[in-house]
Every structure is written in C-alpha cells, then in structure tokens.
Protein backbone atom coordinates (compact mmCIF):
# COMPACT_ATOMS: atom_id res chain seq x y z
CA MET A 1 -20.63 -2.60 9.33
CA SER A 2 -20.22 -3.87 12.93
CA GLU A 3 -17.61 -3.38 15.34
CA TYR A 4 -14.73 -5.27 14.79
CA GLN A 5 -11.01 -5.36 16.10
CA TYR A 6 -8.29 -7.71 15.43
CA TYR A 7 -5.33 -8.07 18.11
CA GLU A 8 -2.01 -9.96 17.12
CA PHE A 9 1.18 -10.13 19.34
CA LEU A 10 4.43 -12.08 18.46
CA ALA A 11 7.16 -13.72 20.85
CA LEU A 12 10.61 -13.44 18.68
CA ASP A 13 13.31 -13.67 20.73
CA ARG A 14 12.02 -16.11 23.16
CA PRO A 15 8.87 -18.00 22.93
CA LEU A 16 6.81 -17.84 26.03
CA ASP A 17 6.37 -20.71 28.90
CA ALA A 18 3.51 -23.03 29.76
CA ARG A 19 3.07 -19.96 33.06
CA GLN A 20 3.17 -17.59 30.67
CA GLN A 21 0.49 -18.60 28.44
CA ALA A 22 -1.72 -19.75 31.10
CA GLU A 23 -1.65 -15.85 32.71
CA LEU A 24 -2.35 -14.59 28.78
CA ARG A 25 -5.14 -17.13 28.82
CA SER A 26 -6.75 -15.34 31.51
CA LEU A 27 -7.26 -12.42 29.49
CA SER A 28 -9.24 -14.45 26.76
CA THR A 29 -10.86 -17.42 26.72
CA ARG A 30 -11.14 -17.07 22.71
CA ALA A 31 -7.97 -16.16 21.62
CA ARG A 32 -5.31 -18.45 19.70
CA ILE A 33 -2.27 -18.78 22.10
CA THR A 34 0.62 -20.80 21.40
CA ALA A 35 4.58 -20.37 22.37
CA THR A 36 5.32 -17.49 20.15
CA SER A 37 1.49 -15.85 19.35
CA PHE A 38 -1.61 -14.60 20.71
CA VAL A 39 -4.43 -13.81 18.03
CA ASN A 40 -7.88 -12.41 18.53
CA GLU A 41 -10.54 -10.86 16.93
CA TYR A 42 -13.87 -8.96 18.41
CA HIS A 43 -16.78 -8.16 16.66
CA TRP A 44 -18.51 -6.66 20.20
CA GLY A 45 -17.00 -6.24 23.38
CA ASP A 46 -12.99 -5.54 23.90
CA PHE A 47 -9.74 -7.12 24.65
CA ARG A 48 -9.71 -6.91 28.63
CA GLY A 49 -5.51 -6.48 28.53
CA ASN A 50 -3.69 -3.68 28.01
CA PRO A 51 -1.82 -3.89 24.88
CA ARG A 52 1.49 -1.83 26.40
CA GLN A 53 2.07 -4.07 29.50
CA LEU A 54 1.66 -7.16 27.56
CA MET A 55 4.71 -6.02 25.12
CA GLU A 56 6.75 -4.75 28.33
CA ARG A 57 6.12 -8.38 29.57
CA TYR A 58 5.71 -11.04 26.98
CA TYR A 59 6.08 -10.10 23.46
CA ASP A 60 8.44 -8.24 20.70
CA ALA A 61 5.64 -7.31 18.12
CA HIS A 62 1.89 -6.23 18.05
CA LEU A 63 -0.52 -5.34 15.20
CA TYR A 64 -3.82 -3.72 16.14
CA LEU A 65 -6.91 -2.86 13.38
CA ALA A 66 -10.04 -1.64 13.90
CA ASN A 67 -12.51 -1.19 11.61
CA TRP A 68 -13.33 2.83 12.64
CA GLY A 69 -9.91 3.22 10.82
CA THR A 70 -7.24 2.68 13.50
CA ARG A 71 -3.89 0.95 12.73
CA ARG A 72 -1.18 0.44 15.58
CA ILE A 73 2.20 -1.52 15.33
CA MET A 74 4.57 -1.77 18.24
CA LEU A 75 7.51 -3.25 18.40
CA ARG A 76 9.90 -4.41 21.45
CA MET A 77 13.85 -4.33 21.33
CA PRO A 78 17.02 -4.55 23.66
CA ARG A 79 17.90 -1.12 24.53
CA SER A 80 21.32 -1.84 23.35
CA VAL A 81 20.29 -1.98 19.68
CA LEU A 82 18.19 1.21 19.83
CA ASP A 83 18.61 4.05 21.96
CA LEU A 84 15.86 6.15 23.42
CA ASP A 85 17.35 9.43 22.44
CA VAL A 86 17.84 8.12 18.87
CA ALA A 87 14.11 7.13 19.13
CA GLU A 88 12.69 9.92 20.06
CA GLN A 89 14.24 12.14 17.50
CA TYR A 90 11.31 10.53 15.49
CA CYS A 91 8.44 10.97 18.32
CA LEU A 92 5.18 12.79 17.23
CA ASP A 93 2.00 12.85 19.28
CA HIS A 94 0.61 9.91 19.47
CA GLN A 95 1.48 8.72 16.10
CA VAL A 96 5.17 7.97 17.12
CA VAL A 97 5.69 6.94 20.86
CA ALA A 98 8.87 5.72 22.46
CA TRP A 99 10.09 4.77 25.99
CA THR A 100 11.92 1.76 27.92
CA SER A 101 11.19 -1.04 30.06
CA GLY A 102 13.44 -2.70 31.57
CA GLU A 103 16.23 -3.88 29.43
CA HIS A 104 13.69 -3.21 26.57
CA LEU A 105 12.95 -0.26 24.01
CA VAL A 106 9.32 -0.16 22.68
CA LEU A 107 7.97 1.66 19.81
CA ASP A 108 4.27 2.48 19.30
CA LEU A 109 3.47 3.47 15.63
CA THR A 110 -0.47 4.88 15.04
CA SER A 111 -2.47 5.60 11.88
CA ASP A 112 -5.97 6.67 12.48
CA ASP A 113 -8.51 7.61 9.25
CA GLU A 114 -12.01 7.13 10.15
CA TYR A 115 -13.24 7.82 6.36
CA SER A 116 -10.70 5.25 4.72
CA ASP A 117 -12.26 2.09 3.30
CA TRP A 118 -12.04 -0.73 5.23
CA GLU A 119 -9.86 -3.43 4.10
CA ASP A 120 -9.33 -6.73 6.38
CA ASP A 121 -5.69 -7.78 5.60
CA ALA A 122 -4.80 -8.30 9.19
CA PRO A 123 -3.25 -11.86 8.70
CA GLU A 124 -0.65 -10.71 5.94
CA SER A 125 0.32 -6.93 7.80
CA LEU A 126 2.38 -8.06 10.77
CA SER A 127 4.42 -10.93 8.99
CA ALA A 128 4.81 -8.63 6.60
CA ILE A 129 6.01 -5.43 8.62
CA VAL A 130 8.01 -7.11 11.77
CA GLY A 131 11.02 -7.27 9.50
CA ILE A 132 11.54 -3.66 10.43
CA ARG A 133 12.45 -4.88 13.97
CA SER A 134 15.42 -6.47 12.70
CA GLU A 135 16.28 -3.65 10.63
CA LEU A 136 16.10 -0.94 13.39
CA ALA A 137 18.30 -3.00 15.87
CA ALA A 138 20.98 -3.35 12.73
CA GLY A 139 20.76 0.87 12.80
CA ASP A 140 18.69 1.21 9.83
CA HIS A 141 16.89 4.13 10.99
CA ARG A 142 14.38 4.29 7.80
CA PRO A 143 11.13 2.82 9.46
CA LEU A 144 11.26 5.43 12.30
CA TYR A 145 11.38 8.36 9.68
CA LEU A 146 8.64 6.80 8.06
CA ALA A 147 6.41 6.65 10.78
CA TRP A 148 7.30 10.08 11.53
CA LEU A 149 6.76 10.87 7.97
CA ALA A 150 3.52 9.06 7.90
CA GLY A 151 2.14 11.13 11.08
CA TYR A 152 2.52 14.28 9.40
CA GLY A 153 1.06 13.42 6.01
CA THR A 154 -2.29 13.27 7.95
CA TRP A 155 -2.16 16.90 7.73
CA GLU A 156 -3.04 16.33 3.80
CA ARG A 157 -6.05 14.36 4.69
CA ASP A 158 -7.11 17.02 7.74
CA GLU A 159 -5.92 19.91 8.01
CA TYR A 160 -6.71 20.55 11.78
CA ALA A 161 -4.50 17.52 12.59
CA PHE A 162 -1.58 19.96 13.96
CA ASP A 163 -1.13 23.34 15.09
CA PRO A 164 0.05 25.46 12.49
CA THR A 165 3.09 27.05 14.52
CA GLU A 166 4.72 23.34 13.60
CA ASP A 167 5.11 24.32 9.98
CA ASP A 168 8.62 25.94 10.88
CA GLU A 169 9.46 22.53 12.96
CA LEU A 170 12.58 20.71 11.43
CA GLU A 171 12.48 17.13 10.05
CA PRO A 172 14.47 14.25 12.14
CA PRO A 173 17.95 13.64 10.58
CA LEU A 174 17.25 12.24 7.22
CA PRO A 175 18.61 8.51 6.95
CA PRO A 176 20.39 7.15 3.97
CA GLY A 177 18.63 4.70 1.50
CA LEU A 178 14.89 6.44 1.63
CA ARG A 179 14.48 6.06 -2.26
CA THR A 180 15.06 2.08 -2.18
CA LEU A 181 12.98 0.78 0.49
CA THR A 182 12.81 -2.99 1.63
CA ALA A 183 9.64 -4.81 1.44
CA ALA A 184 9.18 -4.26 5.08
CA GLN A 185 9.54 -0.76 4.99
CA ARG A 186 7.06 -0.32 2.22
CA ALA A 187 4.55 -2.66 3.81
CA LEU A 188 5.14 -0.23 7.03
CA GLY A 189 4.56 2.90 4.66
CA ASP A 190 1.39 1.27 3.27
CA PHE A 191 -0.09 0.39 7.07
CA LEU A 192 0.58 3.61 8.24
CA ARG A 193 -1.07 5.28 5.09
CA LEU A 194 2.10 7.19 3.83
CA ASP A 195 1.27 8.85 1.34
CA HIS A 196 3.53 8.06 -1.86
CA ASP A 197 4.08 11.99 -3.04
CA LEU A 198 5.01 12.97 0.27
CA LEU A 199 7.58 9.85 0.24
CA THR A 200 9.07 10.66 -3.20
CA VAL A 201 9.41 14.47 -2.49
CA ALA A 202 11.30 13.24 1.33
CA ALA A 203 13.18 11.30 -0.27
CA GLU A 204 14.96 13.35 -3.13
CA ILE A 205 17.93 14.62 -1.13
CA SER A 206 18.22 11.14 0.89
CA PRO A 207 21.71 9.50 0.19
CA PRO A 208 22.24 6.13 -1.27
CA LEU A 209 22.34 3.60 1.46
CA GLU A 210 25.95 1.74 2.36
CA GLN A 211 25.36 -2.09 3.15
CA ALA A 212 28.43 -3.07 5.15
CA THR A 213 27.09 -6.39 5.02
CA ASP A 214 26.93 -7.17 1.54
CA ASP A 215 30.85 -7.92 1.69
CA PRO A 216 31.08 -11.53 3.96
CA ARG A 217 34.65 -11.20 4.52
CA GLN A 218 34.31 -7.81 5.96
CA LEU A 219 31.61 -9.58 8.60
CA THR A 220 34.23 -12.33 8.95
CA ALA A 221 37.37 -10.19 9.62
CA TRP A 222 35.37 -8.24 12.05
CA VAL A 223 34.28 -11.54 13.93
CA THR A 224 37.96 -12.34 13.55
CA ASN A 225 38.83 -9.39 15.45
CA LEU A 226 36.63 -10.08 18.78
CA SER A 227 38.59 -11.00 21.79
CA PRO A 228 37.78 -14.68 23.20
CA ALA A 229 36.58 -13.53 26.12
CA GLU A 230 33.98 -11.95 24.27
CA LYS A 231 33.10 -14.48 21.85
CA ASP A 232 32.79 -17.10 25.10
CA HIS A 233 30.43 -14.73 26.37
CA LEU A 234 28.26 -14.28 23.38
CA LEU A 235 28.49 -18.19 22.87
CA VAL A 236 27.16 -18.43 26.59
CA ARG A 237 24.25 -16.23 25.82
CA ILE A 238 23.51 -18.12 22.76
CA LEU A 239 22.99 -21.21 25.01
CA GLN A 240 20.91 -19.09 27.36
CA GLY A 241 18.23 -18.93 24.68
CA ARG A 242 19.29 -15.62 23.70
CA SER A 243 20.23 -16.14 20.56
CA ALA A 244 17.94 -13.45 18.78
CA THR A 245 18.95 -10.69 21.04
CA VAL A 246 22.97 -11.41 20.52
CA ARG A 247 22.54 -11.44 16.85
CA MET A 248 20.53 -8.04 16.72
CA GLU A 249 23.55 -6.47 19.05
CA MET A 250 26.36 -7.99 16.95
CA LEU A 251 24.79 -6.48 13.64
CA CYS A 252 24.37 -2.98 15.17
CA ARG A 253 27.81 -3.14 16.53
CA PHE A 254 29.32 -4.33 13.15
CA GLN A 255 27.05 -1.70 10.93
CA ASP A 256 28.54 1.18 13.77
CA GLU A 257 31.80 0.03 13.08
CA SER A 258 32.09 -0.59 9.79
CA THR A 259 29.61 1.51 7.79
CA GLN A 260 31.47 4.89 6.83
CA SER A 261 29.25 8.12 8.07
CA VAL A 262 27.30 9.96 5.45
CA PRO A 263 27.12 13.79 5.55
CA SER A 264 23.70 14.66 7.07
CA PRO A 265 21.67 16.90 4.19
CA PRO A 266 20.08 19.78 5.02
CA ARG A 267 16.91 19.34 7.32
CA ARG A 268 13.77 21.06 5.77
CA THR A 269 10.50 22.43 7.79
CA ILE A 270 7.30 20.36 7.71
CA ALA A 271 6.07 23.39 5.64
CA ASP A 272 8.19 22.78 2.78
CA LEU A 273 8.00 19.06 2.68
CA LEU A 274 4.25 19.62 2.47
CA ASP A 275 4.32 22.42 0.03
CA GLN A 276 6.55 20.74 -2.29
CA THR A 277 4.35 17.64 -2.05
CA ALA A 278 1.35 19.84 -2.99
CA ARG A 279 3.01 21.00 -5.98
CA ARG A 280 4.16 17.48 -7.00
CA ARG A 281 0.95 16.20 -6.48
CA ALA A 282 -0.87 19.18 -8.61
CA GLU A 283 1.87 18.67 -11.26
CA ARG A 284 1.27 14.68 -11.08
CA HIS A 285 -2.62 14.99 -11.74
CA HIS A 286 -1.54 17.68 -14.48
CA GLN A 287 0.61 15.20 -16.37
CA GLU A 288 -2.07 12.04 -15.66
CA SER A 289 -4.79 14.44 -16.87
CA ARG A 290 -2.88 14.96 -20.06
CA GLN A 291 -2.20 11.58 -20.75
CA ARG A 292 -5.45 10.62 -20.18
CA ALA A 293 -6.35 13.22 -22.99
CA GLU A 294 -3.66 12.28 -25.44
CA GLU A 295 -4.91 8.37 -25.02
CA ASP A 296 -8.24 9.20 -25.29
CA ALA A 297 -7.51 11.07 -28.77
CA ARG A 298 -5.18 8.05 -29.60
CA ARG A 299 -8.29 5.63 -29.25
CA LYS A 300 -11.00 8.27 -30.91
CA GLN A 301 -8.82 8.37 -33.88
CA ALA A 302 -8.30 4.60 -34.13
CA ARG A 303 -11.64 3.83 -33.82
CA ALA A 304 -12.26 6.79 -36.31
CA LEU A 305 -9.91 4.76 -39.04
CA ALA A 306 -11.49 1.40 -38.39
CA ARG A 307 -14.76 2.85 -38.99
CA GLU A 308 -13.53 4.47 -42.04
CA GLN A 309 -11.98 0.99 -43.20
CA ARG A 310 -15.11 -0.73 -42.33
CA LEU A 311 -17.08 1.37 -44.40
CA ASP A 312 -14.89 1.04 -47.32
CA GLU A 313 -15.48 -2.65 -47.27
CA LEU A 314 -18.75 -2.15 -46.74
CA ALA A 315 -19.21 0.22 -49.89
CA ARG A 316 -17.64 -2.45 -52.11
CA ASP A 317 -20.65 -5.20 -51.51
CA LYS A 318 -23.84 -2.82 -50.03
CA GLU A 319 -26.13 -4.81 -51.43
CA GLY A 320 -24.88 -7.96 -50.09
CA ALA A 321 -24.84 -6.29 -46.71
CA TRP A 322 -28.80 -6.02 -47.04
CA SER A 323 -29.13 -9.17 -47.74
CA LYS A 324 -27.24 -10.35 -45.31
CA VAL A 325 -29.51 -8.18 -42.60
CA ASP A 326 -32.59 -10.09 -44.25
CA ALA A 327 -31.14 -13.15 -43.55
CA MET A 328 -29.95 -12.37 -40.09
CA ILE A 329 -33.38 -11.44 -39.30
CA GLY A 330 -34.98 -14.46 -40.76
CA THR A 331 -33.14 -16.50 -38.25
CA ARG A 332 -35.81 -14.67 -35.44
CA LYS A 333 -33.08 -15.18 -32.76
CA PRO A 334 -32.12 -12.33 -30.45
CA THR A 335 -28.13 -12.66 -31.05
CA GLU A 336 -28.99 -12.13 -35.00
CA TYR A 337 -31.15 -9.55 -34.39
CA ASP A 338 -28.20 -7.50 -32.33
CA ALA A 339 -25.89 -8.20 -35.39
CA ALA A 340 -28.41 -7.33 -38.21
CA VAL A 341 -28.84 -3.78 -35.98
CA SER A 342 -24.73 -3.31 -35.59
CA LEU A 343 -24.74 -3.74 -39.74
CA LEU A 344 -27.71 -1.51 -40.55
CA THR A 345 -26.07 1.36 -38.03
CA ASP A 346 -22.90 1.06 -40.31
CA LEU A 347 -25.24 1.10 -43.77
CA ARG A 348 -26.85 3.88 -42.31
CA ALA A 349 -22.96 5.59 -41.43
CA LEU A 350 -22.58 4.65 -45.17
CA ALA A 351 -25.33 6.45 -46.57
CA GLU A 352 -24.60 9.34 -44.69
CA ARG A 353 -20.90 9.71 -45.89
CA ASP A 354 -22.18 9.39 -49.62
CA ALA A 355 -24.85 11.65 -49.10
CA ARG A 356 -27.60 9.10 -49.52
CA SER A 357 -28.77 9.41 -46.33
CA HIS A 358 -33.11 9.49 -48.49
CA GLU A 359 -32.14 6.16 -49.66
CA PHE A 360 -31.26 4.38 -46.71
CA ALA A 361 -34.05 5.50 -44.96
CA GLN A 362 -36.69 4.25 -47.80
CA ARG A 363 -34.93 1.28 -47.64
CA ALA A 364 -34.82 1.32 -43.58
CA ALA A 365 -38.96 2.02 -43.12
CA ALA A 366 -39.32 -0.79 -45.62
CA LEU A 367 -37.72 -2.89 -43.64
CA ARG A 368 -39.97 -2.11 -40.51
CA GLN A 369 -43.36 -2.65 -42.39
CA GLN A 370 -41.91 -5.87 -43.50
CA HIS A 371 -41.02 -7.10 -39.93
CA ALA A 372 -43.54 -5.02 -37.92
CA ARG A 373 -44.61 -8.31 -36.46
CA LYS A 374 -41.77 -8.78 -34.39
CA PRO A 375 -41.40 -6.63 -31.47
CA SER A 376 -38.29 -7.65 -30.43
CA LEU A 377 -36.58 -6.32 -33.50
CA LEU A 378 -38.46 -3.07 -33.57
CA GLU A 379 -37.46 -2.49 -29.61
CA ARG A 380 -33.56 -2.60 -30.93
CA LEU A 381 -34.53 -0.82 -34.10
CA ASN A 382 -35.98 2.04 -31.76
CA HIS A 383 -33.03 1.87 -29.37
CA ALA A 384 -30.48 2.19 -32.39
CA ASP A 385 -33.01 4.92 -33.64
CA LEU A 386 -33.10 3.33 -36.73
C-alpha cells in the first residue's frame, strides 16, 4: 500500500475568522478549510504545519491516522476545567502527554502498531470520540485512565515496549464507572487499541458512577444559589461568544460541588494488571475452545441423526431411489448429475449399514458401464469415489 496520512482539526468552542482561515490556507492549498474544520489527506509528501502549534492557536480537537500504524487524538480545553496536575497522573511516555498553553490545557493521546491491519475509518473516528472532551470538562477522568491503560497495553503486543522496572509502578487513580463506559469512551478505547481483557481486569474494582446531573432539580437548585453578580458575569461571557467554555466550566463546578466523593480503591501495580489479564485471556481462550468443541460435537451428532433418518426413509423405497437416479441422469443436466451423485452416496451408506456393500458395488459398476460415454457424469462419480 502506498503512503497515506489523514489530518483533521475541529474548532468547537469558537469558529475561526477569515484571517485565521487564511493563515491556515498558507499551510495547505488542498485542505478543506471552514470556520470550524480543517481536513486533508496525503498519499505522498507531508503536512507543512505543526499539529501541536495548530492546537495551541486554533483548534480544540485533532485526529491523525497513518497507514503505518500511528493513531493520534489531541484535545484542547480550558485549564479551569482540567488541572494539569490531574492530567499528569495519567501521562505515559509519548502515548499520553499533557501541557498547558495560555488559558488552555492540551492532551495528546497516541497509539502505534506497525503490524496492525489498516482500516480507513477516519471520517467517523473524530466525531465518535470528540465527546470525551466534554466528559473530561465535567470531571469524568475515565478517558484519561483509558488512554493510560491503552499505553501499557502495548506491552501485550511488544515485550520491549517498556522497561521491566516499570512492573512495580502503580496505576493512576482509578475513576468510577469503568464497567459502564459511554459511547465516546468506547470509541476512544477502540481507536487507541485498548485490549478488552485488560479493560475488563482494570474495571473489576472500579466503583459505580454516580451521575449528579441525572436530577434536573438538583441542577436547578445549584444554579439558583449562584450570586446575581456571578450570573451577570457568565451572561456577559456567553454574549462574547464563549458559551461553550462557560458551559464546560459550570458543569465542572456543579460536578465538583454536587457529586459525593467515592473512596478510591487500592492501586494495583502494572505487573498485577498485566498478569491478571494474561490469566483471564488464557482462561477465556480455554473456555472458547471448549465451547467450540461442544458445538462441533452437537453439530456432528445432529448431522448423524439427520443422516440416519434420511437412510431410514431411503430404505423404505430403495428401488424407487435407483429409478430416480436413472431419471436424473437421463436429463443430461449438470445439476441433475449432482443430485444423482448425492442420492447414490446415500444409497452406498445404506448398503454399508445393512452389510450389502457388494450388491451396491455391482449396481454402481453397471451404472458406470451404462453411461460410459458421459464424461461429465463419470468425473462426478470418480470425485465421490463411486
């Protein structure tokens, strides 16, 4: 396959003005550029822009795909909704990176696997994943943990991915709700090649997720208690075109102030997670093999029963079956030849069951001699060993 790279950027909180779009056009003459997006594909050459700089200056979300196995998601959000100290707890080499730029925090999530099968699903990927940005802004740290977990999951594919001394490293804070991921979080896990067995093991001790926003009355009461001056300040920011940022900040505050804290479960080592995953995978493979063997046995038994029933029915009118074979052959049609061979096969099985194979052999030999000038039929008989 020739080289292929896909770049997509989205402006979610504030659209780009004409000057900003012109600045971006100088980086690519072929890209599809609008006030809210930048999309380009490369089958040769490379993008002249720097995705990190574009995220810091213009965009809130970025997706990159390359057919040599690199997948990358970048997200930008206000620093007020996600603290760098929190994000850094989940950082991991080049797979999970976080930094601040001005009023924003940028997350950079990467997965590399040069041996993976290439799937060109770029147009759907970013739209399916970008919802995690709002989730993170609302205080949901599951996307961060999933990205960290996917990073260490590469150890399952590449034993040299990390230094063995990292075996004793502890996992970051385990967020609640890992057993009930959102659609966006599942899409992120798939994009970052998160192993399902590893996720299942990691989620075993994750406490249930409590949704404070499930009760509109609670949200209404919380908004009512805001001071008039603060509400006026929020309205001014909304009129200034910062409604998306205001919404994220307010949801983050509401979650912090309304959701009851859940005791953190004990933190496991990397070795514990990977060893439990290996045991679970081996157990699952064993169970799947046993289920396949049981299903094969059931199918074999069903086929044998059906065959016996078919032979019993055939035994009630054996001569009629031989006459039917003659009639089928007499049509000189390939499909009828196939049906005749199938019926002859059943007649042979019936003869073997009744210890009358010699009788069948004589009639089959006579049939071959009678139709010796039908090479197509003889070829089918030979193939069926008749």
